[in-house]
N, C-alpha and C. Protein backbone atom coordinates (compact mmCIF):
# COMPACT_ATOMS: atom_id res chain seq x y z
N MET A 1 3.73 18.66 -10.56
CA MET A 1 2.60 18.19 -9.79
C MET A 1 2.52 16.66 -9.89
N LYS A 2 2.36 16.01 -8.75
CA LYS A 2 2.24 14.56 -8.71
C LYS A 2 0.77 14.21 -8.47
N ILE A 3 0.21 13.42 -9.41
CA ILE A 3 -1.21 13.11 -9.39
C ILE A 3 -1.40 11.60 -9.25
N ALA A 4 -2.40 11.21 -8.46
CA ALA A 4 -2.79 9.81 -8.37
C ALA A 4 -4.28 9.72 -8.65
N ALA A 5 -4.70 8.58 -9.19
CA ALA A 5 -6.12 8.30 -9.40
C ALA A 5 -6.44 6.96 -8.78
N ILE A 6 -7.64 6.84 -8.23
CA ILE A 6 -8.08 5.56 -7.68
C ILE A 6 -9.42 5.18 -8.29
N ASP A 7 -9.56 3.88 -8.51
CA ASP A 7 -10.81 3.28 -8.97
C ASP A 7 -11.29 2.40 -7.82
N VAL A 8 -12.23 2.90 -7.04
CA VAL A 8 -12.68 2.22 -5.82
C VAL A 8 -13.67 1.13 -6.16
N GLY A 9 -13.32 -0.09 -5.78
CA GLY A 9 -14.21 -1.23 -5.96
C GLY A 9 -14.47 -1.89 -4.62
N LEU A 10 -15.36 -2.85 -4.61
CA LEU A 10 -15.70 -3.53 -3.36
C LEU A 10 -14.61 -4.51 -2.92
N LYS A 11 -13.83 -5.03 -3.88
CA LYS A 11 -12.78 -6.01 -3.55
C LYS A 11 -11.37 -5.46 -3.71
N ARG A 12 -11.21 -4.53 -4.64
CA ARG A 12 -9.88 -3.97 -4.91
C ARG A 12 -10.01 -2.49 -5.24
N ILE A 13 -8.90 -1.79 -5.04
CA ILE A 13 -8.83 -0.38 -5.41
C ILE A 13 -7.66 -0.23 -6.37
N GLY A 14 -7.98 0.10 -7.62
CA GLY A 14 -6.95 0.31 -8.62
C GLY A 14 -6.31 1.68 -8.42
N ILE A 15 -5.01 1.75 -8.69
CA ILE A 15 -4.27 3.00 -8.51
C ILE A 15 -3.41 3.27 -9.74
N ALA A 16 -3.35 4.55 -10.11
CA ALA A 16 -2.45 4.98 -11.18
C ALA A 16 -1.83 6.31 -10.73
N ILE A 17 -0.61 6.56 -11.20
CA ILE A 17 0.05 7.82 -10.85
C ILE A 17 0.63 8.49 -12.09
N CYS A 18 0.79 9.79 -11.98
CA CYS A 18 1.47 10.59 -13.00
C CYS A 18 2.39 11.54 -12.25
N LEU A 19 3.68 11.34 -12.43
CA LEU A 19 4.66 12.13 -11.67
C LEU A 19 5.24 13.28 -12.47
N ASP A 20 5.07 13.26 -13.78
CA ASP A 20 5.70 14.27 -14.63
C ASP A 20 4.72 15.09 -15.47
N GLY A 21 3.44 14.87 -15.25
CA GLY A 21 2.44 15.62 -16.01
C GLY A 21 2.10 15.02 -17.36
N THR A 22 2.77 13.94 -17.76
CA THR A 22 2.49 13.36 -19.07
C THR A 22 2.20 11.86 -19.01
N ILE A 23 3.09 11.08 -18.46
CA ILE A 23 2.96 9.62 -18.50
C ILE A 23 2.22 9.12 -17.26
N VAL A 24 1.15 8.36 -17.50
CA VAL A 24 0.35 7.78 -16.43
C VAL A 24 0.70 6.30 -16.30
N LEU A 25 1.05 5.90 -15.10
CA LEU A 25 1.48 4.52 -14.85
C LEU A 25 0.55 3.82 -13.86
N PRO A 26 -0.02 2.68 -14.26
CA PRO A 26 -0.81 1.91 -13.30
C PRO A 26 0.11 1.34 -12.23
N GLN A 27 -0.39 1.25 -11.01
CA GLN A 27 0.37 0.71 -9.88
C GLN A 27 -0.31 -0.57 -9.40
N GLU A 28 0.30 -1.24 -8.45
CA GLU A 28 -0.30 -2.45 -7.91
C GLU A 28 -1.57 -2.08 -7.14
N ALA A 29 -2.66 -2.76 -7.45
CA ALA A 29 -3.93 -2.49 -6.79
C ALA A 29 -3.86 -2.88 -5.31
N ILE A 30 -4.72 -2.26 -4.53
CA ILE A 30 -4.81 -2.57 -3.10
C ILE A 30 -6.00 -3.50 -2.89
N GLY A 31 -5.73 -4.64 -2.30
CA GLY A 31 -6.81 -5.57 -1.95
C GLY A 31 -7.58 -4.98 -0.79
N ARG A 32 -8.88 -5.11 -0.85
CA ARG A 32 -9.72 -4.46 0.15
C ARG A 32 -10.29 -5.51 1.11
N LYS A 33 -9.63 -5.65 2.27
CA LYS A 33 -10.14 -6.55 3.31
C LYS A 33 -11.28 -5.87 4.06
N ASN A 34 -11.06 -4.60 4.39
CA ASN A 34 -12.10 -3.75 4.96
C ASN A 34 -11.77 -2.31 4.62
N ARG A 35 -12.72 -1.42 4.79
CA ARG A 35 -12.51 -0.05 4.32
C ARG A 35 -11.45 0.71 5.12
N ASN A 36 -11.30 0.43 6.41
CA ASN A 36 -10.28 1.12 7.20
C ASN A 36 -8.88 0.72 6.77
N GLN A 37 -8.67 -0.57 6.54
CA GLN A 37 -7.37 -1.05 6.06
C GLN A 37 -7.06 -0.46 4.70
N ALA A 38 -8.06 -0.45 3.80
CA ALA A 38 -7.84 0.08 2.45
C ALA A 38 -7.55 1.58 2.51
N ALA A 39 -8.28 2.32 3.34
CA ALA A 39 -8.05 3.76 3.47
C ALA A 39 -6.64 4.02 4.00
N ARG A 40 -6.20 3.25 4.97
CA ARG A 40 -4.85 3.41 5.52
C ARG A 40 -3.79 3.16 4.45
N GLU A 41 -3.98 2.11 3.64
CA GLU A 41 -3.00 1.80 2.59
C GLU A 41 -2.98 2.88 1.51
N ILE A 42 -4.14 3.43 1.17
CA ILE A 42 -4.19 4.52 0.20
C ILE A 42 -3.47 5.74 0.76
N ARG A 43 -3.76 6.11 2.01
CA ARG A 43 -3.09 7.25 2.65
C ARG A 43 -1.57 7.07 2.64
N ASP A 44 -1.11 5.86 3.00
CA ASP A 44 0.33 5.57 3.00
C ASP A 44 0.92 5.73 1.61
N PHE A 45 0.20 5.25 0.60
CA PHE A 45 0.66 5.37 -0.78
C PHE A 45 0.80 6.83 -1.18
N LEU A 46 -0.22 7.63 -0.88
CA LEU A 46 -0.20 9.06 -1.24
C LEU A 46 0.95 9.78 -0.55
N GLU A 47 1.18 9.42 0.70
CA GLU A 47 2.28 10.04 1.46
C GLU A 47 3.64 9.62 0.89
N GLU A 48 3.79 8.33 0.63
CA GLU A 48 5.06 7.81 0.11
C GLU A 48 5.45 8.48 -1.21
N TRP A 49 4.48 8.67 -2.10
CA TRP A 49 4.75 9.26 -3.41
C TRP A 49 4.62 10.79 -3.41
N GLU A 50 4.30 11.38 -2.26
CA GLU A 50 4.16 12.83 -2.12
C GLU A 50 3.17 13.39 -3.16
N ILE A 51 2.00 12.78 -3.20
CA ILE A 51 0.97 13.13 -4.18
C ILE A 51 0.34 14.48 -3.82
N ASP A 52 0.17 15.34 -4.83
CA ASP A 52 -0.43 16.67 -4.66
C ASP A 52 -1.93 16.66 -4.95
N THR A 53 -2.35 15.79 -5.89
CA THR A 53 -3.73 15.78 -6.36
C THR A 53 -4.22 14.34 -6.44
N LEU A 54 -5.42 14.10 -5.92
CA LEU A 54 -6.04 12.78 -5.99
C LEU A 54 -7.31 12.87 -6.82
N ILE A 55 -7.38 12.01 -7.83
CA ILE A 55 -8.56 11.92 -8.69
C ILE A 55 -9.28 10.62 -8.32
N VAL A 56 -10.57 10.72 -8.05
CA VAL A 56 -11.35 9.56 -7.64
C VAL A 56 -12.44 9.31 -8.68
N GLY A 57 -12.50 8.10 -9.19
CA GLY A 57 -13.52 7.74 -10.16
C GLY A 57 -14.89 7.63 -9.53
N LEU A 58 -15.88 8.24 -10.19
CA LEU A 58 -17.28 8.14 -9.77
C LEU A 58 -18.11 7.62 -10.92
N PRO A 59 -19.00 6.66 -10.66
CA PRO A 59 -19.84 6.14 -11.73
C PRO A 59 -20.91 7.15 -12.13
N ARG A 60 -21.13 7.27 -13.41
CA ARG A 60 -22.19 8.13 -13.94
C ARG A 60 -23.10 7.26 -14.79
N GLY A 61 -24.37 7.35 -14.56
CA GLY A 61 -25.32 6.53 -15.28
C GLY A 61 -25.49 5.18 -14.60
N GLY A 62 -26.46 4.45 -14.99
CA GLY A 62 -26.69 3.13 -14.39
C GLY A 62 -27.64 3.22 -13.22
N SER A 63 -28.22 2.09 -12.88
CA SER A 63 -29.26 2.05 -11.86
C SER A 63 -28.73 2.25 -10.44
N SER A 64 -27.46 1.92 -10.20
CA SER A 64 -26.93 2.02 -8.84
C SER A 64 -25.98 3.21 -8.67
N GLU A 65 -26.08 4.18 -9.57
CA GLU A 65 -25.18 5.33 -9.53
C GLU A 65 -25.18 6.04 -8.17
N ALA A 66 -26.35 6.36 -7.64
CA ALA A 66 -26.44 7.11 -6.39
C ALA A 66 -25.84 6.33 -5.23
N GLU A 67 -26.13 5.04 -5.15
CA GLU A 67 -25.60 4.22 -4.05
C GLU A 67 -24.09 4.09 -4.14
N MET A 68 -23.56 3.85 -5.34
CA MET A 68 -22.10 3.73 -5.50
C MET A 68 -21.42 5.06 -5.21
N GLU A 69 -22.01 6.15 -5.65
CA GLU A 69 -21.41 7.46 -5.35
C GLU A 69 -21.37 7.70 -3.85
N ARG A 70 -22.43 7.36 -3.15
CA ARG A 70 -22.47 7.51 -1.70
C ARG A 70 -21.36 6.69 -1.04
N ARG A 71 -21.21 5.45 -1.47
CA ARG A 71 -20.17 4.57 -0.90
C ARG A 71 -18.77 5.11 -1.17
N ILE A 72 -18.54 5.56 -2.40
CA ILE A 72 -17.21 6.06 -2.76
C ILE A 72 -16.90 7.34 -1.99
N ARG A 73 -17.85 8.25 -1.90
CA ARG A 73 -17.61 9.49 -1.15
C ARG A 73 -17.37 9.19 0.33
N HIS A 74 -18.08 8.21 0.87
CA HIS A 74 -17.83 7.82 2.27
C HIS A 74 -16.42 7.26 2.42
N PHE A 75 -16.01 6.40 1.49
CA PHE A 75 -14.65 5.85 1.54
C PHE A 75 -13.61 6.98 1.48
N VAL A 76 -13.82 7.94 0.60
CA VAL A 76 -12.88 9.06 0.46
C VAL A 76 -12.81 9.85 1.77
N SER A 77 -13.93 9.98 2.47
CA SER A 77 -13.91 10.69 3.76
C SER A 77 -13.04 9.96 4.78
N LEU A 78 -12.95 8.64 4.66
CA LEU A 78 -12.11 7.86 5.57
C LEU A 78 -10.61 8.08 5.32
N LEU A 79 -10.28 8.59 4.13
CA LEU A 79 -8.87 8.85 3.82
C LEU A 79 -8.31 9.96 4.68
N ASP A 80 -9.18 10.86 5.15
CA ASP A 80 -8.75 11.97 6.00
C ASP A 80 -7.55 12.68 5.36
N LEU A 81 -7.76 13.12 4.12
CA LEU A 81 -6.68 13.73 3.34
C LEU A 81 -6.21 15.04 3.95
N PRO A 82 -4.90 15.28 3.94
CA PRO A 82 -4.40 16.58 4.40
C PRO A 82 -4.84 17.67 3.42
N ALA A 83 -4.91 18.90 3.89
CA ALA A 83 -5.34 20.03 3.06
C ALA A 83 -4.41 20.25 1.87
N SER A 84 -3.20 19.72 1.95
CA SER A 84 -2.22 19.90 0.86
C SER A 84 -2.54 19.06 -0.38
N ILE A 85 -3.46 18.10 -0.25
CA ILE A 85 -3.83 17.25 -1.38
C ILE A 85 -5.17 17.72 -1.94
N ALA A 86 -5.15 18.15 -3.21
CA ALA A 86 -6.38 18.55 -3.89
C ALA A 86 -7.16 17.29 -4.27
N LEU A 87 -8.47 17.33 -4.10
CA LEU A 87 -9.33 16.18 -4.39
C LEU A 87 -10.28 16.54 -5.52
N HIS A 88 -10.33 15.67 -6.53
CA HIS A 88 -11.24 15.87 -7.66
C HIS A 88 -11.92 14.54 -7.97
N TYR A 89 -13.13 14.61 -8.50
CA TYR A 89 -13.85 13.42 -8.94
C TYR A 89 -13.91 13.42 -10.45
N GLN A 90 -13.90 12.21 -11.01
CA GLN A 90 -13.89 12.05 -12.46
C GLN A 90 -14.85 10.94 -12.86
N ASP A 91 -15.59 11.15 -13.92
CA ASP A 91 -16.49 10.13 -14.44
C ASP A 91 -15.69 8.88 -14.79
N GLU A 92 -16.10 7.75 -14.23
CA GLU A 92 -15.40 6.49 -14.51
C GLU A 92 -16.19 5.57 -15.42
N ALA A 93 -17.31 6.05 -15.92
CA ALA A 93 -18.20 5.21 -16.73
C ALA A 93 -17.44 4.49 -17.84
N GLY A 94 -17.53 3.18 -17.83
CA GLY A 94 -16.93 2.37 -18.89
C GLY A 94 -15.44 2.14 -18.76
N SER A 95 -14.80 2.70 -17.73
CA SER A 95 -13.34 2.57 -17.62
C SER A 95 -12.89 1.11 -17.40
N SER A 96 -13.65 0.35 -16.64
CA SER A 96 -13.27 -1.05 -16.42
C SER A 96 -13.42 -1.88 -17.69
N MET A 97 -14.49 -1.62 -18.44
CA MET A 97 -14.67 -2.33 -19.71
C MET A 97 -13.58 -1.94 -20.71
N GLU A 98 -13.24 -0.66 -20.74
CA GLU A 98 -12.17 -0.19 -21.62
C GLU A 98 -10.84 -0.83 -21.23
N ALA A 99 -10.58 -0.95 -19.92
CA ALA A 99 -9.35 -1.58 -19.44
C ALA A 99 -9.31 -3.05 -19.85
N LYS A 100 -10.44 -3.74 -19.73
CA LYS A 100 -10.50 -5.16 -20.13
C LYS A 100 -10.21 -5.30 -21.62
N GLU A 101 -10.78 -4.39 -22.41
CA GLU A 101 -10.53 -4.43 -23.86
C GLU A 101 -9.06 -4.21 -24.18
N GLN A 102 -8.44 -3.24 -23.50
CA GLN A 102 -7.02 -2.95 -23.73
C GLN A 102 -6.15 -4.16 -23.40
N MET A 103 -6.55 -4.93 -22.40
CA MET A 103 -5.72 -6.04 -21.93
C MET A 103 -6.18 -7.39 -22.46
N LYS A 104 -7.12 -7.39 -23.37
CA LYS A 104 -7.65 -8.64 -23.92
C LYS A 104 -6.50 -9.50 -24.46
N GLY A 105 -6.45 -10.73 -23.98
CA GLY A 105 -5.42 -11.66 -24.42
C GLY A 105 -4.12 -11.55 -23.65
N LEU A 106 -3.93 -10.46 -22.89
CA LEU A 106 -2.69 -10.28 -22.13
C LEU A 106 -2.82 -10.71 -20.68
N ILE A 107 -4.02 -10.61 -20.14
CA ILE A 107 -4.25 -10.96 -18.74
C ILE A 107 -5.26 -12.10 -18.67
N ARG A 108 -4.83 -13.20 -18.13
CA ARG A 108 -5.76 -14.32 -17.95
C ARG A 108 -6.46 -14.22 -16.60
N GLN A 109 -5.69 -13.91 -15.56
CA GLN A 109 -6.23 -13.83 -14.21
C GLN A 109 -6.71 -12.40 -13.96
N LYS A 110 -8.00 -12.19 -13.95
CA LYS A 110 -8.56 -10.85 -13.82
C LYS A 110 -8.71 -10.41 -12.37
N ARG A 111 -8.40 -11.27 -11.42
CA ARG A 111 -8.60 -10.93 -10.01
C ARG A 111 -7.34 -10.41 -9.34
N ASP A 112 -6.29 -10.14 -10.10
CA ASP A 112 -5.04 -9.70 -9.47
C ASP A 112 -4.95 -8.18 -9.36
N GLY A 113 -5.93 -7.45 -9.87
CA GLY A 113 -5.97 -6.01 -9.71
C GLY A 113 -5.40 -5.22 -10.87
N ARG A 114 -4.80 -5.87 -11.85
CA ARG A 114 -4.23 -5.11 -12.96
C ARG A 114 -5.31 -4.37 -13.75
N ILE A 115 -6.44 -5.01 -13.96
CA ILE A 115 -7.54 -4.35 -14.68
C ILE A 115 -8.00 -3.12 -13.89
N ASP A 116 -8.08 -3.24 -12.56
CA ASP A 116 -8.53 -2.13 -11.72
C ASP A 116 -7.57 -0.95 -11.83
N SER A 117 -6.28 -1.23 -11.84
CA SER A 117 -5.31 -0.14 -11.94
C SER A 117 -5.24 0.45 -13.34
N ILE A 118 -5.51 -0.34 -14.35
CA ILE A 118 -5.59 0.21 -15.71
C ILE A 118 -6.84 1.09 -15.83
N ALA A 119 -7.92 0.71 -15.15
CA ALA A 119 -9.12 1.56 -15.12
C ALA A 119 -8.78 2.89 -14.43
N ALA A 120 -7.99 2.84 -13.35
CA ALA A 120 -7.56 4.08 -12.67
C ALA A 120 -6.71 4.93 -13.62
N LYS A 121 -5.89 4.29 -14.42
CA LYS A 121 -5.07 4.99 -15.42
C LYS A 121 -5.98 5.72 -16.42
N ILE A 122 -7.03 5.04 -16.87
CA ILE A 122 -7.97 5.64 -17.81
C ILE A 122 -8.68 6.83 -17.17
N ILE A 123 -9.07 6.69 -15.91
CA ILE A 123 -9.73 7.78 -15.18
C ILE A 123 -8.81 9.00 -15.10
N LEU A 124 -7.55 8.77 -14.78
CA LEU A 124 -6.58 9.87 -14.68
C LEU A 124 -6.34 10.53 -16.04
N GLU A 125 -6.24 9.73 -17.08
CA GLU A 125 -6.04 10.29 -18.42
C GLU A 125 -7.25 11.12 -18.85
N ARG A 126 -8.45 10.67 -18.51
CA ARG A 126 -9.65 11.46 -18.83
C ARG A 126 -9.60 12.81 -18.12
N TRP A 127 -9.21 12.79 -16.85
CA TRP A 127 -9.13 14.01 -16.07
C TRP A 127 -8.09 14.96 -16.68
N GLN A 128 -6.94 14.41 -17.07
CA GLN A 128 -5.89 15.24 -17.69
C GLN A 128 -6.37 15.86 -19.00
N ASN A 129 -7.23 15.15 -19.71
CA ASN A 129 -7.74 15.64 -20.99
C ASN A 129 -8.90 16.63 -20.83
N GLY A 130 -9.23 16.94 -19.58
CA GLY A 130 -10.25 17.96 -19.34
C GLY A 130 -11.68 17.47 -19.32
N ASP A 131 -11.88 16.15 -19.36
CA ASP A 131 -13.22 15.58 -19.32
C ASP A 131 -13.63 15.39 -17.86
N ARG A 132 -13.90 16.50 -17.17
CA ARG A 132 -14.07 16.48 -15.72
C ARG A 132 -15.52 16.59 -15.28
N VAL A 133 -15.76 16.04 -14.09
CA VAL A 133 -17.07 16.18 -13.46
C VAL A 133 -16.90 17.06 -12.24
N GLY A 134 -17.98 17.61 -11.74
CA GLY A 134 -17.91 18.46 -10.55
C GLY A 134 -17.62 17.67 -9.30
N ASN A 135 -17.16 18.35 -8.28
CA ASN A 135 -16.87 17.70 -7.00
C ASN A 135 -18.13 17.63 -6.19
């Protein structure tokens, strides 16, 4: 099973993949010029890698949880995923902070998307470990 995870942000979308069921690899983040362009690039990525399952990070807790969840679910609807791709949501709470901690001292430029893709990696690893949220 080939799995991808995305961490949807307003400026970038972090991506991570797992092709063998064990090792999760962060990929180059997608810069978000607009939601249609970003959705198209995500769809192309999923098709290119023949992804079977997509995990999408959802924020849990915080004052803007409902608004961010609405935006993320709307973005996911723009992906127009084929029925062959299973879609799951995963709690992303703290994943960006955890990614920043992991990369402390290694990444000076935080706007290149590496932190976003490491956050996607964390989201995918949480999902693999069974720490799942409902769809």
